[in-house]
Amino acid sequence: MAKYPLPAEELARFAHLGRESSTLTVLRHARIAERMGLSATDHKVLELAGQAPGPLTAGRIAELTGLSTGAVTGVMDRLEKAGLARRVRDTADRRKVLIEVVPGAMERHAPLFESAYTNLKTVLEQFSPEERKVLERFQSAVLDGLRDELPGDA
């Protein structure tokens, strides 16, 4: 992969944009979680489980989030009570308990994200298809770096 010179001022501008984006994203998701009747942590665990390719163990959620397994149990209790997630037995090893999102749970709350999708569409329409490919490559590289900071495969 090619490397190009990066002036310190330019790096500082991108770092500032990244921090501001992160802060605004956290605040937005905290507001969405509140509207769902969840804490921000409960909402992020639900998102994590919803984005996973399959059910996760409580231990894996603890590993990815940095929460204790006891805290994950509390999160799961609240998500189950809200009808958003459930505990299921692993068919390969009945001793394992897996956490999965209840079918339709994510879709039920999709309207809470509509303004974000509308804004994203409005912004992306300002860029040519070629520019969007560069933006996508940039965003993917940033996400890869973030995933590398998490324990195991995120």
N, C-alpha and C. Protein backbone atom coordinates (compact mmCIF):
# COMPACT_ATOMS: atom_id res chain seq x y z
N MET A 1 0.84 -1.17 0.00
CA MET A 1 0.00 0.00 0.00
C MET A 1 0.89 1.24 0.00
N ALA A 2 0.56 2.18 -0.86
CA ALA A 2 1.35 3.40 -0.97
C ALA A 2 1.22 4.25 0.29
N LYS A 3 2.29 4.96 0.59
CA LYS A 3 2.29 5.91 1.70
C LYS A 3 2.67 7.27 1.15
N TYR A 4 1.93 8.27 1.58
CA TYR A 4 2.17 9.63 1.12
C TYR A 4 2.51 10.50 2.32
N PRO A 5 3.32 11.54 2.11
CA PRO A 5 3.65 12.44 3.23
C PRO A 5 2.38 13.04 3.84
N LEU A 6 2.38 13.17 5.14
CA LEU A 6 1.23 13.71 5.85
C LEU A 6 1.71 14.79 6.80
N PRO A 7 1.47 16.05 6.46
CA PRO A 7 1.88 17.14 7.36
C PRO A 7 1.16 17.04 8.70
N ALA A 8 1.84 17.44 9.75
CA ALA A 8 1.29 17.37 11.11
C ALA A 8 -0.03 18.14 11.22
N GLU A 9 -0.13 19.29 10.56
CA GLU A 9 -1.35 20.09 10.63
C GLU A 9 -2.54 19.34 10.02
N GLU A 10 -2.28 18.64 8.93
CA GLU A 10 -3.35 17.88 8.28
C GLU A 10 -3.80 16.73 9.17
N LEU A 11 -2.83 16.03 9.76
CA LEU A 11 -3.16 14.94 10.69
C LEU A 11 -3.98 15.49 11.85
N ALA A 12 -3.60 16.65 12.38
CA ALA A 12 -4.33 17.25 13.50
C ALA A 12 -5.77 17.58 13.10
N ARG A 13 -5.97 18.07 11.87
CA ARG A 13 -7.33 18.37 11.41
C ARG A 13 -8.18 17.10 11.34
N PHE A 14 -7.61 16.03 10.79
CA PHE A 14 -8.35 14.77 10.71
C PHE A 14 -8.61 14.19 12.10
N ALA A 15 -7.63 14.31 13.00
CA ALA A 15 -7.82 13.82 14.37
C ALA A 15 -8.95 14.58 15.05
N HIS A 16 -8.98 15.89 14.85
CA HIS A 16 -10.05 16.71 15.44
C HIS A 16 -11.41 16.28 14.88
N LEU A 17 -11.50 16.10 13.57
CA LEU A 17 -12.75 15.66 12.95
C LEU A 17 -13.17 14.28 13.49
N GLY A 18 -12.22 13.39 13.66
CA GLY A 18 -12.51 12.06 14.19
C GLY A 18 -13.04 12.12 15.61
N ARG A 19 -12.40 12.95 16.45
CA ARG A 19 -12.88 13.08 17.84
C ARG A 19 -14.28 13.69 17.89
N GLU A 20 -14.50 14.74 17.08
CA GLU A 20 -15.82 15.36 17.08
C GLU A 20 -16.89 14.39 16.56
N SER A 21 -16.56 13.65 15.52
CA SER A 21 -17.48 12.65 14.98
C SER A 21 -17.80 11.60 16.03
N SER A 22 -16.78 11.14 16.73
CA SER A 22 -16.98 10.13 17.76
C SER A 22 -17.88 10.66 18.87
N THR A 23 -17.61 11.86 19.33
CA THR A 23 -18.42 12.45 20.41
C THR A 23 -19.87 12.62 20.00
N LEU A 24 -20.10 13.17 18.80
CA LEU A 24 -21.46 13.38 18.34
C LEU A 24 -22.18 12.04 18.12
N THR A 25 -21.45 11.04 17.67
CA THR A 25 -22.04 9.71 17.48
C THR A 25 -22.46 9.11 18.81
N VAL A 26 -21.60 9.23 19.82
CA VAL A 26 -21.94 8.71 21.15
C VAL A 26 -23.17 9.43 21.69
N LEU A 27 -23.23 10.74 21.55
CA LEU A 27 -24.38 11.50 22.05
C LEU A 27 -25.66 11.11 21.31
N ARG A 28 -25.56 10.94 20.00
CA ARG A 28 -26.72 10.55 19.19
C ARG A 28 -27.22 9.18 19.62
N HIS A 29 -26.31 8.24 19.81
CA HIS A 29 -26.71 6.89 20.19
C HIS A 29 -27.24 6.84 21.62
N ALA A 30 -26.73 7.70 22.48
CA ALA A 30 -27.28 7.76 23.84
C ALA A 30 -28.73 8.24 23.80
N ARG A 31 -29.02 9.21 22.94
CA ARG A 31 -30.39 9.70 22.78
C ARG A 31 -31.29 8.62 22.20
N ILE A 32 -30.78 7.89 21.20
CA ILE A 32 -31.56 6.80 20.61
C ILE A 32 -31.82 5.71 21.66
N ALA A 33 -30.80 5.37 22.43
CA ALA A 33 -30.96 4.35 23.48
C ALA A 33 -32.04 4.77 24.46
N GLU A 34 -32.02 6.04 24.84
CA GLU A 34 -33.03 6.55 25.77
C GLU A 34 -34.43 6.40 25.19
N ARG A 35 -34.58 6.70 23.92
CA ARG A 35 -35.90 6.55 23.26
C ARG A 35 -36.33 5.10 23.19
N MET A 36 -35.35 4.18 23.19
CA MET A 36 -35.66 2.75 23.17
C MET A 36 -35.90 2.22 24.58
N GLY A 37 -35.67 3.06 25.58
CA GLY A 37 -35.81 2.63 26.96
C GLY A 37 -34.61 1.86 27.46
N LEU A 38 -33.45 2.09 26.84
CA LEU A 38 -32.21 1.38 27.20
C LEU A 38 -31.15 2.36 27.67
N SER A 39 -30.16 1.82 28.35
CA SER A 39 -28.97 2.62 28.62
C SER A 39 -28.10 2.61 27.37
N ALA A 40 -27.14 3.51 27.30
CA ALA A 40 -26.24 3.55 26.15
C ALA A 40 -25.48 2.22 26.04
N THR A 41 -25.07 1.66 27.16
CA THR A 41 -24.35 0.38 27.14
C THR A 41 -25.23 -0.73 26.62
N ASP A 42 -26.47 -0.79 27.09
CA ASP A 42 -27.40 -1.83 26.63
C ASP A 42 -27.60 -1.71 25.12
N HIS A 43 -27.75 -0.48 24.65
CA HIS A 43 -27.96 -0.25 23.22
C HIS A 43 -26.76 -0.71 22.40
N LYS A 44 -25.55 -0.42 22.87
CA LYS A 44 -24.35 -0.81 22.12
C LYS A 44 -24.18 -2.32 22.12
N VAL A 45 -24.51 -2.98 23.21
CA VAL A 45 -24.44 -4.44 23.24
C VAL A 45 -25.46 -5.02 22.26
N LEU A 46 -26.65 -4.44 22.21
CA LEU A 46 -27.66 -4.88 21.24
C LEU A 46 -27.13 -4.69 19.82
N GLU A 47 -26.53 -3.55 19.53
CA GLU A 47 -25.95 -3.29 18.21
C GLU A 47 -24.85 -4.30 17.88
N LEU A 48 -24.00 -4.56 18.86
CA LEU A 48 -22.90 -5.51 18.67
C LEU A 48 -23.46 -6.89 18.34
N ALA A 49 -24.46 -7.31 19.09
CA ALA A 49 -25.07 -8.62 18.84
C ALA A 49 -25.79 -8.63 17.49
N GLY A 50 -26.42 -7.53 17.15
CA GLY A 50 -27.13 -7.45 15.88
C GLY A 50 -26.22 -7.45 14.67
N GLN A 51 -25.00 -6.96 14.83
CA GLN A 51 -24.04 -6.90 13.72
C GLN A 51 -23.19 -8.16 13.62
N ALA A 52 -23.23 -8.99 14.64
CA ALA A 52 -22.42 -10.21 14.64
C ALA A 52 -22.99 -11.19 13.61
N PRO A 53 -22.12 -12.01 13.02
CA PRO A 53 -22.59 -12.98 12.02
C PRO A 53 -23.46 -14.08 12.61
N GLY A 54 -23.46 -14.22 13.92
CA GLY A 54 -24.27 -15.23 14.59
C GLY A 54 -24.36 -14.90 16.06
N PRO A 55 -25.04 -15.72 16.84
CA PRO A 55 -25.15 -15.47 18.28
C PRO A 55 -23.78 -15.41 18.95
N LEU A 56 -23.69 -14.61 20.01
CA LEU A 56 -22.45 -14.45 20.77
C LEU A 56 -22.63 -15.02 22.16
N THR A 57 -21.54 -15.48 22.75
CA THR A 57 -21.60 -15.89 24.15
C THR A 57 -21.47 -14.63 25.01
N ALA A 58 -21.93 -14.73 26.25
CA ALA A 58 -21.78 -13.61 27.18
C ALA A 58 -20.29 -13.31 27.38
N GLY A 59 -19.47 -14.33 27.39
CA GLY A 59 -18.03 -14.13 27.53
C GLY A 59 -17.44 -13.34 26.39
N ARG A 60 -17.91 -13.62 25.18
CA ARG A 60 -17.41 -12.89 24.01
C ARG A 60 -17.85 -11.43 24.06
N ILE A 61 -19.09 -11.19 24.49
CA ILE A 61 -19.56 -9.82 24.64
C ILE A 61 -18.73 -9.10 25.68
N ALA A 62 -18.43 -9.77 26.78
CA ALA A 62 -17.59 -9.17 27.82
C ALA A 62 -16.21 -8.84 27.26
N GLU A 63 -15.66 -9.76 26.49
CA GLU A 63 -14.33 -9.55 25.91
C GLU A 63 -14.33 -8.34 24.96
N LEU A 64 -15.34 -8.24 24.11
CA LEU A 64 -15.39 -7.16 23.13
C LEU A 64 -15.67 -5.80 23.76
N THR A 65 -16.50 -5.78 24.81
CA THR A 65 -16.93 -4.51 25.39
C THR A 65 -16.08 -4.06 26.57
N GLY A 66 -15.37 -5.00 27.19
CA GLY A 66 -14.64 -4.65 28.40
C GLY A 66 -15.51 -4.72 29.65
N LEU A 67 -16.77 -5.12 29.48
CA LEU A 67 -17.66 -5.28 30.63
C LEU A 67 -17.33 -6.59 31.34
N SER A 68 -17.63 -6.66 32.62
CA SER A 68 -17.48 -7.93 33.34
C SER A 68 -18.59 -8.86 32.88
N THR A 69 -18.40 -10.16 33.09
CA THR A 69 -19.46 -11.10 32.71
C THR A 69 -20.71 -10.85 33.55
N GLY A 70 -20.54 -10.40 34.79
CA GLY A 70 -21.69 -10.05 35.63
C GLY A 70 -22.46 -8.88 35.05
N ALA A 71 -21.74 -7.89 34.54
CA ALA A 71 -22.40 -6.73 33.92
C ALA A 71 -23.13 -7.15 32.65
N VAL A 72 -22.53 -8.07 31.89
CA VAL A 72 -23.18 -8.57 30.67
C VAL A 72 -24.47 -9.29 31.04
N THR A 73 -24.46 -10.02 32.14
CA THR A 73 -25.68 -10.70 32.60
C THR A 73 -26.78 -9.67 32.86
N GLY A 74 -26.44 -8.57 33.50
CA GLY A 74 -27.42 -7.51 33.76
C GLY A 74 -27.93 -6.90 32.47
N VAL A 75 -27.03 -6.66 31.53
CA VAL A 75 -27.43 -6.11 30.22
C VAL A 75 -28.40 -7.08 29.55
N MET A 76 -28.05 -8.35 29.56
CA MET A 76 -28.91 -9.36 28.92
C MET A 76 -30.27 -9.44 29.58
N ASP A 77 -30.30 -9.35 30.90
CA ASP A 77 -31.59 -9.36 31.61
C ASP A 77 -32.47 -8.22 31.10
N ARG A 78 -31.88 -7.02 30.96
CA ARG A 78 -32.65 -5.85 30.51
C ARG A 78 -33.07 -5.98 29.05
N LEU A 79 -32.18 -6.50 28.19
CA LEU A 79 -32.52 -6.67 26.78
C LEU A 79 -33.60 -7.73 26.60
N GLU A 80 -33.54 -8.78 27.40
CA GLU A 80 -34.60 -9.81 27.35
C GLU A 80 -35.93 -9.22 27.82
N LYS A 81 -35.89 -8.47 28.91
CA LYS A 81 -37.12 -7.86 29.45
C LYS A 81 -37.74 -6.92 28.42
N ALA A 82 -36.90 -6.23 27.65
CA ALA A 82 -37.39 -5.31 26.61
C ALA A 82 -37.83 -6.03 25.35
N GLY A 83 -37.62 -7.37 25.30
CA GLY A 83 -38.01 -8.15 24.13
C GLY A 83 -37.10 -7.96 22.93
N LEU A 84 -35.85 -7.57 23.18
CA LEU A 84 -34.92 -7.28 22.09
C LEU A 84 -33.90 -8.39 21.85
N ALA A 85 -33.60 -9.16 22.87
CA ALA A 85 -32.62 -10.24 22.73
C ALA A 85 -33.07 -11.41 23.59
N ARG A 86 -32.46 -12.56 23.34
CA ARG A 86 -32.80 -13.74 24.13
C ARG A 86 -31.57 -14.62 24.27
N ARG A 87 -31.65 -15.44 25.31
CA ARG A 87 -30.59 -16.43 25.54
C ARG A 87 -31.05 -17.74 24.90
N VAL A 88 -30.13 -18.40 24.20
CA VAL A 88 -30.44 -19.69 23.58
C VAL A 88 -29.28 -20.64 23.86
N ARG A 89 -29.59 -21.91 23.88
CA ARG A 89 -28.55 -22.93 24.07
C ARG A 89 -27.83 -23.17 22.75
N ASP A 90 -26.53 -23.35 22.84
CA ASP A 90 -25.73 -23.69 21.66
C ASP A 90 -26.09 -25.12 21.26
N THR A 91 -26.46 -25.32 20.01
CA THR A 91 -26.87 -26.65 19.56
C THR A 91 -25.69 -27.62 19.54
N ALA A 92 -24.48 -27.10 19.38
CA ALA A 92 -23.29 -27.96 19.36
C ALA A 92 -22.82 -28.31 20.77
N ASP A 93 -23.04 -27.42 21.73
CA ASP A 93 -22.60 -27.63 23.10
C ASP A 93 -23.67 -27.05 24.02
N ARG A 94 -24.56 -27.89 24.51
CA ARG A 94 -25.71 -27.44 25.30
C ARG A 94 -25.32 -26.73 26.59
N ARG A 95 -24.05 -26.83 26.99
CA ARG A 95 -23.61 -26.13 28.20
C ARG A 95 -23.45 -24.63 27.93
N LYS A 96 -23.24 -24.27 26.66
CA LYS A 96 -23.03 -22.87 26.30
C LYS A 96 -24.36 -22.15 26.11
N VAL A 97 -24.39 -20.93 26.60
CA VAL A 97 -25.56 -20.08 26.38
C VAL A 97 -25.14 -18.98 25.41
N LEU A 98 -25.93 -18.80 24.37
CA LEU A 98 -25.65 -17.78 23.36
C LEU A 98 -26.68 -16.66 23.47
N ILE A 99 -26.25 -15.50 23.08
CA ILE A 99 -27.13 -14.33 23.07
C ILE A 99 -27.45 -14.01 21.61
N GLU A 100 -28.72 -13.90 21.29
CA GLU A 100 -29.09 -13.52 19.93
C GLU A 100 -30.17 -12.45 19.98
N VAL A 101 -30.19 -11.64 18.94
CA VAL A 101 -31.20 -10.59 18.83
C VAL A 101 -32.50 -11.24 18.37
N VAL A 102 -33.59 -10.85 18.99
CA VAL A 102 -34.90 -11.36 18.62
C VAL A 102 -35.20 -10.90 17.18
N PRO A 103 -35.64 -11.83 16.32
CA PRO A 103 -35.96 -11.43 14.94
C PRO A 103 -36.95 -10.26 14.93
N GLY A 104 -36.63 -9.26 14.12
CA GLY A 104 -37.47 -8.08 13.99
C GLY A 104 -37.19 -6.99 15.00
N ALA A 105 -36.36 -7.28 16.01
CA ALA A 105 -36.10 -6.28 17.06
C ALA A 105 -35.40 -5.05 16.51
N MET A 106 -34.42 -5.25 15.65
CA MET A 106 -33.68 -4.11 15.10
C MET A 106 -34.59 -3.29 14.17
N GLU A 107 -35.40 -3.97 13.39
CA GLU A 107 -36.29 -3.29 12.45
C GLU A 107 -37.33 -2.45 13.18
N ARG A 108 -37.73 -2.93 14.36
CA ARG A 108 -38.74 -2.22 15.15
C ARG A 108 -38.28 -0.80 15.50
N HIS A 109 -36.98 -0.64 15.65
CA HIS A 109 -36.43 0.66 16.06
C HIS A 109 -35.74 1.39 14.91
N ALA A 110 -35.86 0.87 13.70
CA ALA A 110 -35.24 1.51 12.53
C ALA A 110 -35.67 2.97 12.35
N PRO A 111 -36.92 3.34 12.63
CA PRO A 111 -37.31 4.75 12.44
C PRO A 111 -36.46 5.73 13.26
N LEU A 112 -35.89 5.27 14.36
CA LEU A 112 -35.04 6.14 15.17
C LEU A 112 -33.75 6.54 14.43
N PHE A 113 -33.40 5.77 13.41
CA PHE A 113 -32.17 6.03 12.65
C PHE A 113 -32.43 6.71 11.31
N GLU A 114 -33.71 6.96 11.00
CA GLU A 114 -34.05 7.53 9.69
C GLU A 114 -33.35 8.84 9.40
N SER A 115 -33.28 9.74 10.37
CA SER A 115 -32.64 11.03 10.13
C SER A 115 -31.16 10.87 9.82
N ALA A 116 -30.53 9.88 10.44
CA ALA A 116 -29.11 9.63 10.15
C ALA A 116 -28.94 9.15 8.72
N TYR A 117 -29.82 8.26 8.26
CA TYR A 117 -29.73 7.77 6.88
C TYR A 117 -30.02 8.88 5.88
N THR A 118 -31.00 9.72 6.21
CA THR A 118 -31.33 10.85 5.33
C THR A 118 -30.14 11.80 5.23
N ASN A 119 -29.53 12.11 6.36
CA ASN A 119 -28.35 12.98 6.36
C ASN A 119 -27.20 12.35 5.58
N LEU A 120 -26.97 11.07 5.79
CA LEU A 120 -25.90 10.38 5.07
C LEU A 120 -26.14 10.44 3.57
N LYS A 121 -27.35 10.20 3.17
CA LYS A 121 -27.69 10.25 1.73
C LYS A 121 -27.44 11.65 1.18
N THR A 122 -27.90 12.67 1.90
CA THR A 122 -27.73 14.06 1.47
C THR A 122 -26.25 14.41 1.32
N VAL A 123 -25.45 13.99 2.27
CA VAL A 123 -24.02 14.28 2.22
C VAL A 123 -23.35 13.50 1.08
N LEU A 124 -23.63 12.21 0.97
CA LEU A 124 -22.98 11.40 -0.07
C LEU A 124 -23.35 11.86 -1.47
N GLU A 125 -24.55 12.39 -1.63
CA GLU A 125 -24.96 12.87 -2.95
C GLU A 125 -24.14 14.08 -3.41
N GLN A 126 -23.40 14.68 -2.51
CA GLN A 126 -22.54 15.82 -2.85
C GLN A 126 -21.20 15.37 -3.45
N PHE A 127 -20.95 14.07 -3.44
CA PHE A 127 -19.68 13.52 -3.93
C PHE A 127 -19.93 12.66 -5.15
N SER A 128 -18.99 12.69 -6.06
CA SER A 128 -19.10 11.86 -7.26
C SER A 128 -18.94 10.39 -6.87
N PRO A 129 -19.36 9.47 -7.74
CA PRO A 129 -19.14 8.04 -7.45
C PRO A 129 -17.67 7.72 -7.18
N GLU A 130 -16.76 8.36 -7.89
CA GLU A 130 -15.32 8.11 -7.66
C GLU A 130 -14.90 8.61 -6.29
N GLU A 131 -15.40 9.79 -5.90
CA GLU A 131 -15.07 10.33 -4.58
C GLU A 131 -15.66 9.45 -3.48
N ARG A 132 -16.86 8.93 -3.71
CA ARG A 132 -17.48 8.05 -2.71
C ARG A 132 -16.67 6.77 -2.52
N LYS A 133 -16.05 6.28 -3.59
CA LYS A 133 -15.19 5.10 -3.45
C LYS A 133 -14.00 5.41 -2.54
N VAL A 134 -13.44 6.62 -2.66
CA VAL A 134 -12.32 7.03 -1.79
C VAL A 134 -12.81 7.17 -0.36
N LEU A 135 -13.97 7.78 -0.17
CA LEU A 135 -14.53 7.91 1.18
C LEU A 135 -14.79 6.55 1.81
N GLU A 136 -15.32 5.64 1.02
CA GLU A 136 -15.59 4.29 1.52
C GLU A 136 -14.29 3.58 1.89
N ARG A 137 -13.28 3.73 1.05
CA ARG A 137 -11.97 3.13 1.35
C ARG A 137 -11.40 3.70 2.64
N PHE A 138 -11.51 5.03 2.80
CA PHE A 138 -11.03 5.68 4.02
C PHE A 138 -11.79 5.16 5.25
N GLN A 139 -13.13 5.17 5.17
CA GLN A 139 -13.92 4.71 6.31
C GLN A 139 -13.63 3.25 6.66
N SER A 140 -13.49 2.42 5.64
CA SER A 140 -13.17 1.00 5.87
C SER A 140 -11.82 0.84 6.54
N ALA A 141 -10.83 1.63 6.12
CA ALA A 141 -9.50 1.56 6.72
C ALA A 141 -9.54 2.00 8.18
N VAL A 142 -10.30 3.06 8.48
CA VAL A 142 -10.43 3.52 9.85
C VAL A 142 -11.09 2.44 10.70
N LEU A 143 -12.16 1.84 10.18
CA LEU A 143 -12.84 0.77 10.92
C LEU A 143 -11.94 -0.43 11.13
N ASP A 144 -11.15 -0.79 10.14
CA ASP A 144 -10.20 -1.89 10.30
C ASP A 144 -9.23 -1.60 11.44
N GLY A 145 -8.75 -0.37 11.51
CA GLY A 145 -7.86 0.01 12.60
C GLY A 145 -8.53 -0.09 13.96
N LEU A 146 -9.79 0.33 14.03
CA LEU A 146 -10.53 0.22 15.29
C LEU A 146 -10.75 -1.24 15.67
N ARG A 147 -11.10 -2.06 14.69
CA ARG A 147 -11.31 -3.50 14.97
C ARG A 147 -10.02 -4.14 15.47
N ASP A 148 -8.90 -3.72 14.93
CA ASP A 148 -7.61 -4.28 15.35
C ASP A 148 -7.32 -3.98 16.82
N GLU A 149 -7.92 -2.93 17.34
CA GLU A 149 -7.71 -2.57 18.75
C GLU A 149 -8.55 -3.41 19.70
N LEU A 150 -9.57 -4.10 19.15
CA LEU A 150 -10.43 -4.94 19.98
C LEU A 150 -9.83 -6.32 20.14
N PRO A 151 -10.08 -6.97 21.26
CA PRO A 151 -9.57 -8.32 21.45
C PRO A 151 -10.27 -9.31 20.52
N GLY A 152 -9.55 -10.21 19.95
CA GLY A 152 -10.13 -11.23 19.08
C GLY A 152 -10.68 -10.64 17.80
N ASP A 153 -11.49 -11.39 17.11
CA ASP A 153 -12.11 -10.92 15.87
C ASP A 153 -13.40 -10.20 16.19
N ALA A 154 -13.46 -8.93 15.85
CA ALA A 154 -14.70 -8.15 16.11
C ALA A 154 -15.65 -8.27 14.94
